[in-house]
Amino acid sequence: MGRHDDISEAERAQLIEAARFKTHGRKKGKVTDDRLSFIQERLPQLQPPRCANREELLHALGADPQQARLVLEVGFGNGDTLSELAARHPEDRFIGIDVFLEGFGVLLRKLEANAATNVRLLRGHAHPMIDDAIPDASLDWVIVNFPDPWRKKRHFKRRIIQTDFLDLLARKLRPGAAFTLATDWENYAEWMLEHIDPHPAFENLAGVGQFAPQPDWWIITNFERKGWLAGRKSHYLSYRRR
């Protein structure tokens, strides 16, 4: 018998759900003691304040709610996209969520080099972090670039793009807001289309079942280049919150 053969279906479902928000693999990676100290010092200073609504949050972040966008990147990696967008759009406010410490170290150095003051960071699993830290109907743009594809079929349930995650984003995004994604795993690209296109909150701007062209704002990262060298093609998706 397997180790979960004697549990109920409800308990089994809870284990599967918990696995989606567990980090499989390394969380720390190659982080030196000096860099770890730097992260531990800076990260608490960059957490977004807890606010009741979008207007309060943007005011607390020193931005004009009538002019600024509130942008969230889920899984920012080494922060190439997040830091570049923040530099391009100093009037906007950005929030990045990730779990891997080494990425925070790299991103924090980039933000420091750019003297960026318009980025806030959260470390943890996306679903509970977004639910807790982001007011409803407050986000103008959500970016999900190259999430873990969980390539084995038995691991598909761990993929971040699931109906409940889309329901959460639908609640946090403003009407008319943007939701953009990218992946270089074809199976995951199809999975994204199959899950997001039917969702009533999202409109595929390229047409149902269609991938989008590379966005005009796109930042090519070393991660994407490695995928190209390995023979993988990037797929881009662009949605609007209805």
C-alpha atoms as a PDB file:
ATOM      1  CA  MET A   1       0.000   0.000   0.000  1.00  0.00           C
ATOM      2  CA  GLY A   2       1.146   3.571  -0.661  1.00  0.00           C
ATOM      3  CA  ARG A   3       1.620   5.941   2.208  1.00  0.00           C
ATOM      4  CA  HIS A   4      -1.640   7.800   1.382  1.00  0.00           C
ATOM      5  CA  ASP A   5      -3.799   4.738   0.646  1.00  0.00           C
ATOM      6  CA  ASP A   6      -5.515   4.803   4.044  1.00  0.00           C
ATOM      7  CA  ILE A   7      -6.602   8.456   4.013  1.00  0.00           C
ATOM      8  CA  SER A   8      -9.968   9.862   2.986  1.00  0.00           C
ATOM      9  CA  GLU A   9     -10.625  11.643  -0.302  1.00  0.00           C
ATOM     10  CA  ALA A  10     -10.976  14.936   1.578  1.00  0.00           C
ATOM     11  CA  GLU A  11      -7.594  14.464   3.251  1.00  0.00           C
ATOM     12  CA  ARG A  12      -6.036  13.488  -0.077  1.00  0.00           C
ATOM     13  CA  ALA A  13      -7.397  16.670  -1.664  1.00  0.00           C
ATOM     14  CA  GLN A  14      -5.887  18.733   1.164  1.00  0.00           C
ATOM     15  CA  LEU A  15      -2.473  17.143   0.601  1.00  0.00           C
ATOM     16  CA  ILE A  16      -2.630  17.919  -3.117  1.00  0.00           C
ATOM     17  CA  GLU A  17      -3.629  21.520  -2.421  1.00  0.00           C
ATOM     18  CA  ALA A  18      -0.808  21.942   0.090  1.00  0.00           C
ATOM     19  CA  ALA A  19       1.681  20.595  -2.462  1.00  0.00           C
ATOM     20  CA  ARG A  20       0.855  23.447  -4.852  1.00  0.00           C
ATOM     21  CA  PHE A  21       2.211  25.969  -2.369  1.00  0.00           C
ATOM     22  CA  LYS A  22       5.182  23.945  -1.198  1.00  0.00           C
ATOM     23  CA  THR A  23       8.558  24.707  -2.683  1.00  0.00           C
ATOM     24  CA  HIS A  24       9.877  21.559  -4.342  1.00  0.00           C
ATOM     25  CA  GLY A  25      13.641  21.833  -4.571  1.00  0.00           C
ATOM     26  CA  ARG A  26      15.942  24.463  -3.168  1.00  0.00           C
ATOM     27  CA  LYS A  27      14.677  27.674  -1.627  1.00  0.00           C
ATOM     28  CA  LYS A  28      18.016  29.156  -0.684  1.00  0.00           C
ATOM     29  CA  GLY A  29      20.366  28.169  -3.487  1.00  0.00           C
ATOM     30  CA  LYS A  30      23.780  29.805  -3.717  1.00  0.00           C
ATOM     31  CA  VAL A  31      23.387  32.640  -1.232  1.00  0.00           C
ATOM     32  CA  THR A  32      26.506  33.779   0.606  1.00  0.00           C
ATOM     33  CA  ASP A  33      26.334  34.850   4.226  1.00  0.00           C
ATOM     34  CA  ASP A  34      26.947  38.478   3.241  1.00  0.00           C
ATOM     35  CA  ARG A  35      24.184  38.428   0.657  1.00  0.00           C
ATOM     36  CA  LEU A  36      21.832  36.670   3.069  1.00  0.00           C
ATOM     37  CA  SER A  37      22.431  39.410   5.633  1.00  0.00           C
ATOM     38  CA  PHE A  38      21.780  42.042   2.958  1.00  0.00           C
ATOM     39  CA  ILE A  39      18.501  40.368   1.977  1.00  0.00           C
ATOM     40  CA  GLN A  40      17.380  39.979   5.579  1.00  0.00           C
ATOM     41  CA  GLU A  41      18.079  43.654   6.196  1.00  0.00           C
ATOM     42  CA  ARG A  42      16.437  45.049   3.065  1.00  0.00           C
ATOM     43  CA  LEU A  43      13.474  42.763   2.484  1.00  0.00           C
ATOM     44  CA  PRO A  44      11.381  43.867   5.489  1.00  0.00           C
ATOM     45  CA  GLN A  45      11.885  47.480   4.407  1.00  0.00           C
ATOM     46  CA  LEU A  46      10.392  46.745   0.990  1.00  0.00           C
ATOM     47  CA  GLN A  47       7.226  44.934   1.969  1.00  0.00           C
ATOM     48  CA  PRO A  48       4.082  46.708   0.737  1.00  0.00           C
ATOM     49  CA  PRO A  49       1.872  48.221   3.430  1.00  0.00           C
ATOM     50  CA  ARG A  50      -1.448  46.528   4.161  1.00  0.00           C
ATOM     51  CA  CYS A  51      -4.217  48.785   2.894  1.00  0.00           C
ATOM     52  CA  ALA A  52      -7.969  48.462   2.458  1.00  0.00           C
ATOM     53  CA  ASN A  53      -8.133  49.505  -1.191  1.00  0.00           C
ATOM     54  CA  ARG A  54      -6.143  50.530  -4.259  1.00  0.00           C
ATOM     55  CA  GLU A  55      -6.296  54.265  -3.558  1.00  0.00           C
ATOM     56  CA  GLU A  56      -4.940  53.844  -0.026  1.00  0.00           C
ATOM     57  CA  LEU A  57      -2.180  51.519  -1.213  1.00  0.00           C
ATOM     58  CA  LEU A  58      -0.966  53.804  -3.990  1.00  0.00           C
ATOM     59  CA  HIS A  59      -1.075  56.825  -1.680  1.00  0.00           C
ATOM     60  CA  ALA A  60       0.964  54.864   0.871  1.00  0.00           C
ATOM     61  CA  LEU A  61       3.471  54.072  -1.876  1.00  0.00           C
ATOM     62  CA  GLY A  62       3.779  57.742  -2.804  1.00  0.00           C
ATOM     63  CA  ALA A  63       1.902  57.523  -6.101  1.00  0.00           C
ATOM     64  CA  ASP A  64      -1.126  59.220  -7.632  1.00  0.00           C
ATOM     65  CA  PRO A  65      -3.968  56.662  -7.889  1.00  0.00           C
ATOM     66  CA  GLN A  66      -5.340  58.535 -10.900  1.00  0.00           C
ATOM     67  CA  GLN A  67      -2.073  58.285 -12.836  1.00  0.00           C
ATOM     68  CA  ALA A  68      -0.045  55.333 -11.555  1.00  0.00           C
ATOM     69  CA  ARG A  69      -0.471  51.686 -12.415  1.00  0.00           C
ATOM     70  CA  LEU A  70      -0.149  48.987  -9.782  1.00  0.00           C
ATOM     71  CA  VAL A  71       1.753  46.097 -11.367  1.00  0.00           C
ATOM     72  CA  LEU A  72       2.363  42.638  -9.918  1.00  0.00           C
ATOM     73  CA  GLU A  73       4.941  40.142 -11.179  1.00  0.00           C
ATOM     74  CA  VAL A  74       4.484  36.604  -9.891  1.00  0.00           C
ATOM     75  CA  GLY A  75       7.767  34.691  -9.876  1.00  0.00           C
ATOM     76  CA  PHE A  76      10.275  37.362 -10.880  1.00  0.00           C
ATOM     77  CA  GLY A  77      13.344  35.094 -10.974  1.00  0.00           C
ATOM     78  CA  ASN A  78      16.453  37.284 -11.041  1.00  0.00           C
ATOM     79  CA  GLY A  79      14.327  40.390 -11.442  1.00  0.00           C
ATOM     80  CA  ASP A  80      15.372  41.319 -14.984  1.00  0.00           C
ATOM     81  CA  THR A  81      11.843  42.200 -16.092  1.00  0.00           C
ATOM     82  CA  LEU A  82      10.744  43.759 -12.823  1.00  0.00           C
ATOM     83  CA  SER A  83      13.782  46.016 -12.447  1.00  0.00           C
ATOM     84  CA  GLU A  84      13.699  47.136 -16.082  1.00  0.00           C
ATOM     85  CA  LEU A  85       9.975  47.946 -16.051  1.00  0.00           C
ATOM     86  CA  ALA A  86      10.403  49.847 -12.796  1.00  0.00           C
ATOM     87  CA  ALA A  87      13.204  51.899 -14.373  1.00  0.00           C
ATOM     88  CA  ARG A  88      11.138  52.593 -17.488  1.00  0.00           C
ATOM     89  CA  HIS A  89       8.039  53.632 -15.538  1.00  0.00           C
ATOM     90  CA  PRO A  90       9.023  55.489 -12.353  1.00  0.00           C
ATOM     91  CA  GLU A  91       5.476  56.838 -12.045  1.00  0.00           C
ATOM     92  CA  ASP A  92       4.071  53.313 -11.581  1.00  0.00           C
ATOM     93  CA  ARG A  93       4.312  51.042  -8.551  1.00  0.00           C
ATOM     94  CA  PHE A  94       5.462  47.433  -8.765  1.00  0.00           C
ATOM     95  CA  ILE A  95       5.139  44.439  -6.462  1.00  0.00           C
ATOM     96  CA  GLY A  96       7.181  41.281  -6.978  1.00  0.00           C
ATOM     97  CA  ILE A  97       6.504  37.904  -5.389  1.00  0.00           C
ATOM     98  CA  ASP A  98       8.914  34.970  -5.355  1.00  0.00           C
ATOM     99  CA  VAL A  99      10.160  32.289  -2.989  1.00  0.00           C
ATOM    100  CA  PHE A 100      13.823  31.788  -3.935  1.00  0.00           C
ATOM    101  CA  LEU A 101      16.274  33.820  -1.857  1.00  0.00           C
ATOM    102  CA  GLU A 102      18.994  33.987  -4.495  1.00  0.00           C
ATOM    103  CA  GLY A 103      16.670  35.872  -6.845  1.00  0.00           C
ATOM    104  CA  PHE A 104      15.935  38.441  -4.162  1.00  0.00           C
ATOM    105  CA  GLY A 105      19.633  39.072  -3.713  1.00  0.00           C
ATOM    106  CA  VAL A 106      20.165  39.712  -7.423  1.00  0.00           C
ATOM    107  CA  LEU A 107      17.072  41.898  -7.742  1.00  0.00           C
ATOM    108  CA  LEU A 108      17.877  43.977  -4.675  1.00  0.00           C
ATOM    109  CA  ARG A 109      21.302  44.813  -6.122  1.00  0.00           C
ATOM    110  CA  LYS A 110      19.676  45.898  -9.394  1.00  0.00           C
ATOM    111  CA  LEU A 111      17.159  48.093  -7.604  1.00  0.00           C
ATOM    112  CA  GLU A 112      19.945  49.636  -5.558  1.00  0.00           C
ATOM    113  CA  ALA A 113      22.033  50.304  -8.674  1.00  0.00           C
ATOM    114  CA  ASN A 114      19.040  51.982 -10.346  1.00  0.00           C
ATOM    115  CA  ALA A 115      18.102  53.899  -7.177  1.00  0.00           C
ATOM    116  CA  ALA A 116      14.609  52.499  -7.694  1.00  0.00           C
ATOM    117  CA  THR A 117      12.016  53.495  -5.110  1.00  0.00           C
ATOM    118  CA  ASN A 118       8.891  52.167  -6.832  1.00  0.00           C
ATOM    119  CA  VAL A 119       9.228  48.428  -6.120  1.00  0.00           C
ATOM    120  CA  ARG A 120       7.927  46.423  -3.175  1.00  0.00           C
ATOM    121  CA  LEU A 121       8.697  42.752  -2.578  1.00  0.00           C
ATOM    122  CA  LEU A 122       7.081  39.748  -0.943  1.00  0.00           C
ATOM    123  CA  ARG A 123       8.689  36.400  -0.280  1.00  0.00           C
ATOM    124  CA  GLY A 124       6.422  33.376  -0.172  1.00  0.00           C
ATOM    125  CA  HIS A 125       3.919  31.401  -2.180  1.00  0.00           C
ATOM    126  CA  ALA A 126       1.906  33.481  -4.607  1.00  0.00           C
ATOM    127  CA  HIS A 127      -1.669  32.455  -3.816  1.00  0.00           C
ATOM    128  CA  PRO A 128      -1.730  33.254  -0.076  1.00  0.00           C
ATOM    129  CA  MET A 129       0.545  36.279  -0.506  1.00  0.00           C
ATOM    130  CA  ILE A 130      -1.683  37.864  -3.146  1.00  0.00           C
ATOM    131  CA  ASP A 131      -4.821  37.086  -1.177  1.00  0.00           C
ATOM    132  CA  ASP A 132      -3.408  38.701   1.958  1.00  0.00           C
ATOM    133  CA  ALA A 133      -1.406  41.650   0.634  1.00  0.00           C
ATOM    134  CA  ILE A 134      -3.291  42.939  -2.416  1.00  0.00           C
ATOM    135  CA  PRO A 135      -6.652  44.724  -2.064  1.00  0.00           C
ATOM    136  CA  ASP A 136      -9.459  43.565  -4.321  1.00  0.00           C
ATOM    137  CA  ALA A 137      -9.878  45.326  -7.687  1.00  0.00           C
ATOM    138  CA  SER A 138      -6.541  47.113  -7.324  1.00  0.00           C
ATOM    139  CA  LEU A 139      -4.116  45.649  -9.878  1.00  0.00           C
ATOM    140  CA  ASP A 140      -3.661  47.180 -13.327  1.00  0.00           C
ATOM    141  CA  TRP A 141      -1.380  44.458 -14.656  1.00  0.00           C
ATOM    142  CA  VAL A 142      -0.292  40.977 -13.605  1.00  0.00           C
ATOM    143  CA  ILE A 143       2.789  39.366 -15.181  1.00  0.00           C
ATOM    144  CA  VAL A 144       3.516  35.632 -15.001  1.00  0.00           C
ATOM    145  CA  ASN A 145       6.644  34.866 -17.028  1.00  0.00           C
ATOM    146  CA  PHE A 146       8.086  31.364 -17.362  1.00  0.00           C
ATOM    147  CA  PRO A 147       6.486  29.722 -14.327  1.00  0.00           C
ATOM    148  CA  ASP A 148       7.654  26.238 -13.375  1.00  0.00           C
ATOM    149  CA  PRO A 149       6.101  23.964 -16.034  1.00  0.00           C
ATOM    150  CA  TRP A 150       5.960  20.860 -13.829  1.00  0.00           C
ATOM    151  CA  ARG A 151       6.475  18.743 -16.911  1.00  0.00           C
ATOM    152  CA  LYS A 152       5.417  15.350 -15.522  1.00  0.00           C
ATOM    153  CA  LYS A 153       1.700  14.698 -15.868  1.00  0.00           C
ATOM    154  CA  ARG A 154       1.356  13.641 -12.243  1.00  0.00           C
ATOM    155  CA  HIS A 155       2.723  17.063 -11.251  1.00  0.00           C
ATOM    156  CA  PHE A 156       0.345  19.141 -13.396  1.00  0.00           C
ATOM    157  CA  LYS A 157      -1.705  19.856 -10.258  1.00  0.00           C
ATOM    158  CA  ARG A 158       1.279  21.857  -8.958  1.00  0.00           C
ATOM    159  CA  ARG A 159       1.189  24.321 -11.844  1.00  0.00           C
ATOM    160  CA  ILE A 160       0.308  27.808 -10.737  1.00  0.00           C
ATOM    161  CA  ILE A 161      -2.193  28.315 -13.550  1.00  0.00           C
ATOM    162  CA  GLN A 162      -5.258  26.640 -12.083  1.00  0.00           C
ATOM    163  CA  THR A 163      -8.872  27.752 -11.880  1.00  0.00           C
ATOM    164  CA  ASP A 164      -8.637  28.858  -8.249  1.00  0.00           C
ATOM    165  CA  PHE A 165      -5.583  31.017  -8.989  1.00  0.00           C
ATOM    166  CA  LEU A 166      -7.410  32.605 -11.916  1.00  0.00           C
ATOM    167  CA  ASP A 167     -10.395  33.254  -9.650  1.00  0.00           C
ATOM    168  CA  LEU A 168      -8.053  35.021  -7.229  1.00  0.00           C
ATOM    169  CA  LEU A 169      -6.515  37.180  -9.962  1.00  0.00           C
ATOM    170  CA  ALA A 170      -9.971  38.011 -11.290  1.00  0.00           C
ATOM    171  CA  ARG A 171     -10.815  39.367  -7.844  1.00  0.00           C
ATOM    172  CA  LYS A 172      -7.595  41.377  -7.519  1.00  0.00           C
ATOM    173  CA  LEU A 173      -7.492  42.863 -11.040  1.00  0.00           C
ATOM    174  CA  ARG A 174      -9.407  45.986 -12.005  1.00  0.00           C
ATOM    175  CA  PRO A 175     -11.836  45.857 -14.939  1.00  0.00           C
ATOM    176  CA  GLY A 176      -9.827  46.412 -18.110  1.00  0.00           C
ATOM    177  CA  ALA A 177      -6.558  45.400 -16.447  1.00  0.00           C
ATOM    178  CA  ALA A 178      -3.887  43.375 -18.261  1.00  0.00           C
ATOM    179  CA  PHE A 179      -2.836  39.794 -17.545  1.00  0.00           C
ATOM    180  CA  THR A 180       0.190  38.628 -19.536  1.00  0.00           C
ATOM    181  CA  LEU A 181       2.041  35.329 -19.471  1.00  0.00           C
ATOM    182  CA  ALA A 182       4.946  33.602 -21.171  1.00  0.00           C
ATOM    183  CA  THR A 183       6.306  30.070 -21.238  1.00  0.00           C
ATOM    184  CA  ASP A 184       8.759  28.139 -23.378  1.00  0.00           C
ATOM    185  CA  TRP A 185       7.119  24.757 -22.746  1.00  0.00           C
ATOM    186  CA  GLU A 186       4.523  24.078 -25.438  1.00  0.00           C
ATOM    187  CA  ASN A 187       2.480  21.771 -23.239  1.00  0.00           C
ATOM    188  CA  TYR A 188       2.201  24.443 -20.572  1.00  0.00           C
ATOM    189  CA  ALA A 189       1.336  27.080 -23.174  1.00  0.00           C
ATOM    190  CA  GLU A 190      -1.592  24.933 -24.314  1.00  0.00           C
ATOM    191  CA  TRP A 191      -2.538  24.356 -20.680  1.00  0.00           C
ATOM    192  CA  MET A 192      -2.659  28.113 -20.131  1.00  0.00           C
ATOM    193  CA  LEU A 193      -4.953  28.618 -23.106  1.00  0.00           C
ATOM    194  CA  GLU A 194      -7.206  25.764 -22.031  1.00  0.00           C
ATOM    195  CA  HIS A 195      -7.575  27.158 -18.517  1.00  0.00           C
ATOM    196  CA  ILE A 196      -7.684  30.924 -19.093  1.00  0.00           C
ATOM    197  CA  ASP A 197      -9.677  31.211 -22.324  1.00  0.00           C
ATOM    198  CA  PRO A 198     -12.868  29.669 -20.838  1.00  0.00           C
ATOM    199  CA  HIS A 199     -12.646  31.730 -17.659  1.00  0.00           C
ATOM    200  CA  PRO A 200     -15.439  34.319 -17.699  1.00  0.00           C
ATOM    201  CA  ALA A 201     -13.228  37.058 -16.236  1.00  0.00           C
ATOM    202  CA  PHE A 202     -10.627  37.066 -19.014  1.00  0.00           C
ATOM    203  CA  GLU A 203     -10.630  37.979 -22.699  1.00  0.00           C
ATOM    204  CA  ASN A 204      -7.850  36.634 -24.923  1.00  0.00           C
ATOM    205  CA  LEU A 205      -6.745  39.708 -26.875  1.00  0.00           C
ATOM    206  CA  ALA A 206      -5.232  37.551 -29.621  1.00  0.00           C
ATOM    207  CA  GLY A 207      -8.463  35.586 -30.070  1.00  0.00           C
ATOM    208  CA  VAL A 208      -9.721  32.404 -28.456  1.00  0.00           C
ATOM    209  CA  GLY A 209      -7.129  29.647 -28.674  1.00  0.00           C
ATOM    210  CA  GLN A 210      -4.456  31.995 -30.029  1.00  0.00           C
ATOM    211  CA  PHE A 211      -1.067  33.033 -28.730  1.00  0.00           C
ATOM    212  CA  ALA A 212      -0.065  36.696 -28.758  1.00  0.00           C
ATOM    213  CA  PRO A 213       2.938  38.178 -30.556  1.00  0.00           C
ATOM    214  CA  GLN A 214       5.923  39.136 -28.454  1.00  0.00           C
ATOM    215  CA  PRO A 215       4.819  42.292 -26.580  1.00  0.00           C
ATOM    216  CA  ASP A 216       6.294  45.673 -27.491  1.00  0.00           C
ATOM    217  CA  TRP A 217       7.457  46.123 -23.897  1.00  0.00           C
ATOM    218  CA  TRP A 218       9.149  42.709 -23.775  1.00  0.00           C
ATOM    219  CA  ILE A 219      12.501  42.303 -21.996  1.00  0.00           C
ATOM    220  CA  ILE A 220      14.582  39.351 -23.201  1.00  0.00           C
ATOM    221  CA  THR A 221      16.240  37.669 -20.228  1.00  0.00           C
ATOM    222  CA  ASN A 222      19.106  35.214 -19.891  1.00  0.00           C
ATOM    223  CA  PHE A 223      16.544  32.625 -18.826  1.00  0.00           C
ATOM    224  CA  GLU A 224      14.680  32.991 -22.116  1.00  0.00           C
ATOM    225  CA  ARG A 225      17.923  32.891 -24.115  1.00  0.00           C
ATOM    226  CA  LYS A 226      18.854  29.602 -22.445  1.00  0.00           C
ATOM    227  CA  GLY A 227      15.528  28.192 -23.570  1.00  0.00           C
ATOM    228  CA  TRP A 228      16.219  29.261 -27.136  1.00  0.00           C
ATOM    229  CA  LEU A 229      19.635  27.605 -27.032  1.00  0.00           C
ATOM    230  CA  ALA A 230      17.951  24.426 -25.811  1.00  0.00           C
ATOM    231  CA  GLY A 231      15.611  24.567 -28.811  1.00  0.00           C
ATOM    232  CA  ARG A 232      12.507  25.821 -27.004  1.00  0.00           C
ATOM    233  CA  LYS A 233      10.187  28.454 -28.452  1.00  0.00           C
ATOM    234  CA  SER A 234       8.669  31.169 -26.297  1.00  0.00           C
ATOM    235  CA  HIS A 235       4.880  31.458 -26.257  1.00  0.00           C
ATOM    236  CA  TYR A 236       3.233  34.717 -25.191  1.00  0.00           C
ATOM    237  CA  LEU A 237      -0.329  35.205 -23.956  1.00  0.00           C
ATOM    238  CA  SER A 238      -2.203  38.456 -23.425  1.00  0.00           C
ATOM    239  CA  TYR A 239      -5.535  38.856 -21.627  1.00  0.00           C
ATOM    240  CA  ARG A 240      -7.788  41.660 -20.469  1.00  0.00           C
ATOM    241  CA  ARG A 241      -9.862  41.565 -17.306  1.00  0.00           C
ATOM    242  CA  ARG A 242     -13.464  41.905 -18.435  1.00  0.00           C
END
